[in-house]
Protein backbone atom coordinates (compact mmCIF):
# COMPACT_ATOMS: atom_id res chain seq x y z
CA UNK A 1 -135.74 -128.15 31.49
CA UNK A 2 -137.25 -125.83 34.14
CA UNK A 3 -138.81 -123.62 31.58
CA UNK A 4 -140.44 -126.60 29.85
CA UNK A 5 -141.75 -128.14 33.07
CA UNK A 6 -142.71 -124.78 34.74
CA UNK A 7 -143.91 -122.29 32.06
CA UNK A 8 -144.46 -118.91 33.64
CA UNK A 9 -142.48 -119.64 36.74
CA UNK A 10 -139.37 -117.55 37.68
CA UNK A 11 -136.10 -119.33 38.47
CA UNK A 12 -134.09 -117.76 41.33
CA UNK A 13 -131.05 -118.40 43.57
CA UNK A 14 -131.42 -117.69 47.24
CA UNK A 15 -128.19 -116.84 49.10
CA UNK A 16 -128.62 -118.37 52.50
CA UNK A 17 -125.17 -117.75 53.98
CA UNK A 18 -121.54 -118.94 53.74
CA UNK A 19 -121.73 -119.02 49.93
CA UNK A 20 -124.64 -121.51 49.95
CA UNK A 21 -127.18 -121.06 47.15
CA UNK A 22 -130.56 -122.62 47.04
CA UNK A 23 -132.29 -122.92 43.70
CA UNK A 24 -135.96 -122.09 43.68
CA UNK A 25 -138.78 -121.32 41.41
CA UNK A 26 -141.60 -118.80 42.21
CA UNK A 27 -145.01 -118.59 40.62
CA UNK A 28 -145.68 -114.93 41.10
CA UNK A 29 -149.22 -115.91 41.77
CA UNK A 30 -151.64 -114.28 44.09
CA UNK A 31 -152.92 -115.86 47.33
CA UNK A 32 -151.13 -117.18 50.40
CA UNK A 33 -147.53 -118.44 50.00
CA UNK A 34 -147.10 -122.25 49.75
CA UNK A 35 -143.65 -123.78 49.99
CA UNK A 36 -143.21 -127.19 48.27
CA UNK A 37 -140.33 -129.26 49.34
CA UNK A 38 -139.32 -132.57 47.66
CA UNK A 39 -138.28 -135.80 49.34
CA UNK A 40 -135.37 -138.12 48.68
CA UNK A 41 -134.19 -138.58 45.91
CA UNK A 42 -136.32 -136.07 43.97
CA UNK A 43 -135.82 -132.39 43.13
CA UNK A 44 -138.33 -129.58 42.57
CA UNK A 45 -139.19 -131.16 39.27
CA UNK A 46 -141.48 -133.63 41.13
CA UNK A 47 -144.12 -130.90 41.38
CA UNK A 48 -144.41 -130.17 37.65
CA UNK A 49 -147.90 -131.79 37.39
CA UNK A 50 -149.52 -130.15 40.28
CA UNK A 51 -147.75 -126.75 40.33
CA UNK A 52 -149.82 -125.02 37.63
CA UNK A 53 -153.09 -125.89 39.32
CA UNK A 54 -151.76 -124.80 42.71
CA UNK A 55 -150.36 -121.55 41.28
CA UNK A 56 -154.00 -120.47 40.51
CA UNK A 57 -154.68 -120.33 44.29
CA UNK A 58 -151.26 -119.80 45.89
CA UNK A 59 -147.98 -117.89 45.55
CA UNK A 60 -145.74 -120.96 45.15
CA UNK A 61 -142.14 -121.42 46.02
CA UNK A 62 -140.48 -124.71 44.87
CA UNK A 63 -137.01 -125.35 46.20
CA UNK A 64 -134.21 -127.82 45.58
CA UNK A 65 -132.96 -128.78 49.02
CA UNK A 66 -129.23 -128.30 49.74
CA UNK A 67 -127.24 -131.08 47.96
CA UNK A 68 -130.04 -131.76 45.49
CA UNK A 69 -130.55 -130.43 41.95
CA UNK A 70 -128.90 -127.09 41.30
CA UNK A 71 -128.64 -126.05 44.98
CA UNK A 72 -125.18 -125.92 46.58
CA UNK A 73 -123.72 -129.14 47.81
CA UNK A 74 -121.59 -129.56 50.99
CA UNK A 75 -117.89 -130.00 50.28
CA UNK A 76 -116.87 -133.62 50.03
CA UNK A 77 -114.60 -135.32 52.61
CA UNK A 78 -111.53 -137.21 51.38
CA UNK A 79 -113.22 -140.58 52.13
CA UNK A 80 -116.59 -139.43 50.69
CA UNK A 81 -118.11 -140.28 54.12
CA UNK A 82 -120.43 -137.29 54.07
């Protein structure tokens, strides 16, 4: 799906400590870096319509926040309270 929505973007996994991985895409473009973060309940896919235009002017980084999309999720509690 990512390749279809974000042609030319590079998928990556960032290790952020304690085995937690954050899925992200980079545009490899030129220009200042621009980090795009989604809200609840979206994932990085929400940016698919504007990312190609922004990539012409910025070096984009699109992340799935922890617990969303393909990023690591916290371990569940027995009562699912978290």
